[in-house]
Amino acid sequence: MNKKIFVMMLILILVTIGFSGCLEDEETAAYEASKNFVRSCLKAPSTAKFAPIGEATIEKKGDNGWAILSYVDAQNAFGAYIRNYYACRLEKKNSGYKLIALNLDEDIAMAPYKWVEEKYFIGSDDRKTDDFKIVGDWWKIEWEVGGRESYEDIYSDLFSFSVNVINSDTNTSVDWIYTGDPYDSGIRYIEGSGTFYLDISTINVDDWTITVYQGINILL
């Protein structure tokens, strides 16, 4: 092999190794910074046990940005250990790391999503809502319902609350929420973008509220 070519190849290998080591150091620093931001959100930060860096997903975004998906085991307010997955966006500054966005969730699929209120509905009777547009790949409905006290227990079979989620573009149902409990609440995650409306049916309902949230993936 030509000596000049050998020297050039050796230099290239050394530069590649050096760059790889530098990137690993940057990833470690970003991951440690994300842990500090997560600790500030925990009920018992001293009990936190984070995933090894090899189990975390760490991606560089542009020149100074970082996107991290990982998990932490920590005690909740009742002293039980709970695993929360977290998504974190950071930006490297001269003075350290700036937190851009952070979200924790017990469901790894939902951890990357920040929830932004899109629509709020309140009522006590049947209704078909106005259309609303969902632009992301996930969204959610939070609902709460209260029954008429005069029917509680005595005529429980006369109470019902249901929400049919309709895709306006195709005029098809994509999900259905139902409860026969006079005092109930819940969250429903729905996949898919488009234009939707809610067809709400009630029997002996005193009041109900529904909030629709857009899901924004903070890791993208």
Protein backbone atom coordinates (compact mmCIF):
# COMPACT_ATOMS: atom_id res chain seq x y z
CA MET A 1 0.00 0.00 0.00
CA ASN A 2 1.21 3.47 -0.85
CA LYS A 3 2.60 5.10 2.31
CA LYS A 4 0.74 8.34 1.65
CA ILE A 5 -2.58 6.51 1.30
CA PHE A 6 -1.91 4.56 4.50
CA VAL A 7 -1.24 7.76 6.44
CA MET A 8 -4.45 9.36 5.10
CA MET A 9 -6.49 6.30 6.07
CA LEU A 10 -4.97 6.30 9.55
CA ILE A 11 -5.82 9.99 10.02
CA LEU A 12 -9.39 9.37 8.83
CA ILE A 13 -9.82 6.50 11.31
CA LEU A 14 -8.47 8.60 14.19
CA VAL A 15 -10.76 11.52 13.30
CA THR A 16 -13.77 9.18 13.12
CA ILE A 17 -12.95 7.66 16.51
CA GLY A 18 -12.47 11.11 18.01
CA PHE A 19 -15.79 12.38 16.60
CA SER A 20 -17.61 9.28 17.85
CA GLY A 21 -16.17 9.71 21.34
CA CYS A 22 -17.09 13.39 21.37
CA LEU A 23 -20.69 12.59 20.33
CA GLU A 24 -20.95 9.96 23.07
CA ASP A 25 -19.79 12.52 25.62
CA GLU A 26 -22.40 14.98 24.35
CA GLU A 27 -25.12 12.32 24.55
CA THR A 28 -24.14 11.49 28.13
CA ALA A 29 -24.20 15.15 29.14
CA ALA A 30 -27.61 15.68 27.53
CA TYR A 31 -29.00 12.56 29.19
CA GLU A 32 -27.76 13.66 32.62
CA ALA A 33 -29.34 17.07 32.07
CA SER A 34 -32.66 15.44 31.18
CA LYS A 35 -32.55 13.47 34.44
CA ASN A 36 -32.19 16.67 36.44
CA PHE A 37 -35.26 18.19 34.78
CA VAL A 38 -37.26 15.00 35.37
CA ARG A 39 -36.29 14.87 39.06
CA SER A 40 -37.87 18.30 39.55
CA CYS A 41 -41.23 16.80 38.47
CA LEU A 42 -41.19 13.80 40.81
CA LYS A 43 -42.91 13.49 44.19
CA ALA A 44 -39.85 11.75 45.66
CA PRO A 45 -36.85 12.67 43.48
CA SER A 46 -34.37 10.99 45.84
CA THR A 47 -35.95 7.60 45.01
CA ALA A 48 -35.53 8.00 41.24
CA LYS A 49 -33.90 5.13 39.35
CA PHE A 50 -33.32 6.01 35.70
CA ALA A 51 -32.84 3.72 32.75
CA PRO A 52 -29.22 3.01 31.76
CA ILE A 53 -28.15 5.25 28.91
CA GLY A 54 -28.04 2.22 26.62
CA GLU A 55 -31.81 1.77 27.04
CA ALA A 56 -32.59 5.43 26.30
CA THR A 57 -33.25 6.85 22.85
CA ILE A 58 -31.11 9.95 22.37
CA GLU A 59 -31.15 11.92 19.14
CA LYS A 60 -29.35 15.11 18.23
CA LYS A 61 -31.55 17.78 16.66
CA GLY A 62 -29.66 20.38 14.65
CA ASP A 63 -26.52 21.93 16.10
CA ASN A 64 -27.54 22.24 19.75
CA GLY A 65 -30.82 20.40 20.23
CA TRP A 66 -31.46 17.00 21.82
CA ALA A 67 -34.52 14.72 21.90
CA ILE A 68 -34.58 12.03 24.59
CA LEU A 69 -37.02 9.20 25.33
CA SER A 70 -36.39 7.17 28.47
CA TYR A 71 -37.97 6.02 31.73
CA VAL A 72 -37.65 6.50 35.47
CA ASP A 73 -38.82 4.38 38.42
CA ALA A 74 -39.68 6.46 41.48
CA GLN A 75 -42.02 6.51 44.45
CA ASN A 76 -45.35 8.28 44.11
CA ALA A 77 -47.20 10.18 46.85
CA PHE A 78 -48.25 6.87 48.42
CA GLY A 79 -44.73 5.42 48.52
CA ALA A 80 -45.27 2.93 45.71
CA TYR A 81 -42.71 2.66 42.91
CA ILE A 82 -44.19 3.69 39.56
CA ARG A 83 -42.50 3.61 36.16
CA ASN A 84 -42.96 6.76 34.11
CA TYR A 85 -41.69 7.14 30.58
CA TYR A 86 -40.55 10.59 29.65
CA ALA A 87 -39.87 12.60 26.52
CA CYS A 88 -37.56 15.57 26.77
CA ARG A 89 -36.37 18.27 24.38
CA LEU A 90 -33.24 20.18 25.35
CA GLU A 91 -31.09 22.90 23.85
CA LYS A 92 -27.39 23.25 24.69
CA LYS A 93 -26.43 26.71 25.87
CA ASN A 94 -23.10 28.13 27.01
CA SER A 95 -24.32 28.02 30.60
CA GLY A 96 -25.75 24.49 30.36
CA TYR A 97 -28.98 23.04 29.00
CA LYS A 98 -32.29 24.80 28.45
CA LEU A 99 -35.49 22.76 28.79
CA ILE A 100 -37.70 23.14 25.71
CA ALA A 101 -40.38 20.56 26.54
CA LEU A 102 -40.89 17.67 28.97
CA ASN A 103 -43.69 15.14 29.32
CA LEU A 104 -44.11 12.10 31.58
CA ASP A 105 -46.61 9.28 31.13
CA GLU A 106 -47.05 5.71 32.37
CA ASP A 107 -47.71 4.70 28.75
CA ILE A 108 -44.57 4.83 26.58
CA ALA A 109 -46.66 5.43 23.45
CA MET A 110 -48.15 8.61 24.96
CA ALA A 111 -44.98 9.93 26.62
CA PRO A 112 -43.86 12.00 23.59
CA TYR A 113 -47.14 13.93 23.45
CA LYS A 114 -47.89 17.32 24.92
CA TRP A 115 -51.65 17.88 25.15
CA VAL A 116 -53.12 21.19 24.01
CA GLU A 117 -56.80 21.97 24.51
CA GLU A 118 -58.68 22.17 21.21
CA LYS A 119 -62.39 22.25 22.21
CA TYR A 120 -64.44 22.35 25.40
CA PHE A 121 -68.07 21.28 25.53
CA ILE A 122 -70.52 21.44 28.43
CA GLY A 123 -74.18 20.48 28.65
CA SER A 124 -76.89 18.30 30.15
CA ASP A 125 -78.75 16.88 27.16
CA ASP A 126 -78.24 15.29 23.75
CA ARG A 127 -76.05 17.20 21.32
CA LYS A 128 -74.12 16.99 18.11
CA THR A 129 -71.09 19.26 18.43
CA ASP A 130 -69.59 21.47 15.78
CA ASP A 131 -66.77 20.04 13.71
CA PHE A 132 -63.21 20.31 14.98
CA LYS A 133 -59.96 19.55 13.17
CA ILE A 134 -57.20 17.27 14.45
CA VAL A 135 -53.81 17.71 12.77
CA GLY A 136 -51.59 15.26 14.67
CA ASP A 137 -51.52 11.47 14.76
CA TRP A 138 -52.96 11.21 18.30
CA TRP A 139 -55.59 13.13 20.25
CA LYS A 140 -57.65 12.54 23.37
CA ILE A 141 -61.02 13.15 24.97
CA GLU A 142 -61.42 13.81 28.70
CA TRP A 143 -65.02 13.52 29.91
CA GLU A 144 -66.98 13.77 33.14
CA VAL A 145 -70.67 13.18 33.81
CA GLY A 146 -73.09 13.60 36.71
CA GLY A 147 -76.53 11.96 37.04
CA ARG A 148 -79.74 13.30 38.51
CA GLU A 149 -79.80 12.47 42.21
CA SER A 150 -83.50 11.58 42.14
CA TYR A 151 -82.64 8.61 39.91
CA GLU A 152 -79.50 7.49 41.76
CA ASP A 153 -79.59 3.81 42.80
CA ILE A 154 -83.39 3.56 42.53
CA TYR A 155 -83.56 3.75 38.75
CA SER A 156 -79.93 3.13 37.80
CA ASP A 157 -81.03 1.33 34.64
CA LEU A 158 -82.51 4.62 33.42
CA PHE A 159 -79.15 6.40 33.35
CA SER A 160 -76.73 6.41 30.44
CA PHE A 161 -74.18 8.68 28.80
CA SER A 162 -72.54 7.93 25.46
CA VAL A 163 -70.30 9.76 23.01
CA ASN A 164 -70.04 8.60 19.42
CA VAL A 165 -66.89 9.99 17.77
CA ILE A 166 -67.65 10.64 14.09
CA ASN A 167 -65.18 11.34 11.29
CA SER A 168 -66.88 14.13 9.35
CA ASP A 169 -64.90 13.42 6.19
CA THR A 170 -66.10 9.82 5.91
CA ASN A 171 -69.24 10.02 8.09
CA THR A 172 -68.08 6.95 10.01
CA SER A 173 -67.73 6.22 13.72
CA VAL A 174 -64.12 5.90 14.89
CA ASP A 175 -64.77 5.39 18.61
CA TRP A 176 -67.55 5.13 21.17
CA ILE A 177 -67.59 6.06 24.85
CA TYR A 178 -70.30 4.75 27.18
CA THR A 179 -71.04 4.69 30.89
CA GLY A 180 -74.03 3.62 32.94
CA ASP A 181 -72.55 5.08 36.13
CA PRO A 182 -74.32 8.30 37.19
CA TYR A 183 -71.01 9.78 38.40
CA ASP A 184 -68.14 8.85 36.13
CA SER A 185 -65.18 10.26 34.21
CA GLY A 186 -62.49 9.02 31.89
CA ILE A 187 -59.89 9.60 29.19
CA ARG A 188 -59.95 8.12 25.71
CA TYR A 189 -56.94 8.26 23.36
CA ILE A 190 -57.78 8.25 19.66
CA GLU A 191 -55.39 7.77 16.74
CA GLY A 192 -55.76 9.60 13.44
CA SER A 193 -56.07 13.10 12.06
CA GLY A 194 -58.99 14.68 10.23
CA THR A 195 -62.22 16.54 10.94
CA PHE A 196 -64.51 15.14 13.63
CA TYR A 197 -67.63 15.84 15.66
CA LEU A 198 -69.18 14.24 18.74
CA ASP A 199 -72.69 12.79 18.87
CA ILE A 200 -73.65 12.85 22.56
CA SER A 201 -76.64 10.88 23.91
CA THR A 202 -77.95 11.13 27.48
CA ILE A 203 -80.61 9.65 29.74
CA ASN A 204 -81.23 11.36 33.10
CA VAL A 205 -77.92 13.23 32.99
CA ASP A 206 -77.66 16.33 35.15
CA ASP A 207 -74.49 17.70 33.56
CA TRP A 208 -71.53 16.62 31.44
CA THR A 209 -68.26 18.13 30.27
CA ILE A 210 -65.96 17.07 27.43
CA THR A 211 -62.53 18.46 26.59
CA VAL A 212 -60.78 17.60 23.32
CA TYR A 213 -56.98 17.81 23.22
CA GLN A 214 -54.58 17.85 20.29
CA GLY A 215 -51.47 15.71 20.75
CA ILE A 216 -48.19 17.41 19.81
CA ASN A 217 -45.17 15.12 19.55
CA ILE A 218 -42.36 17.03 21.28
CA LEU A 219 -39.66 14.68 19.98
CA LEU A 220 -40.14 15.60 16.31
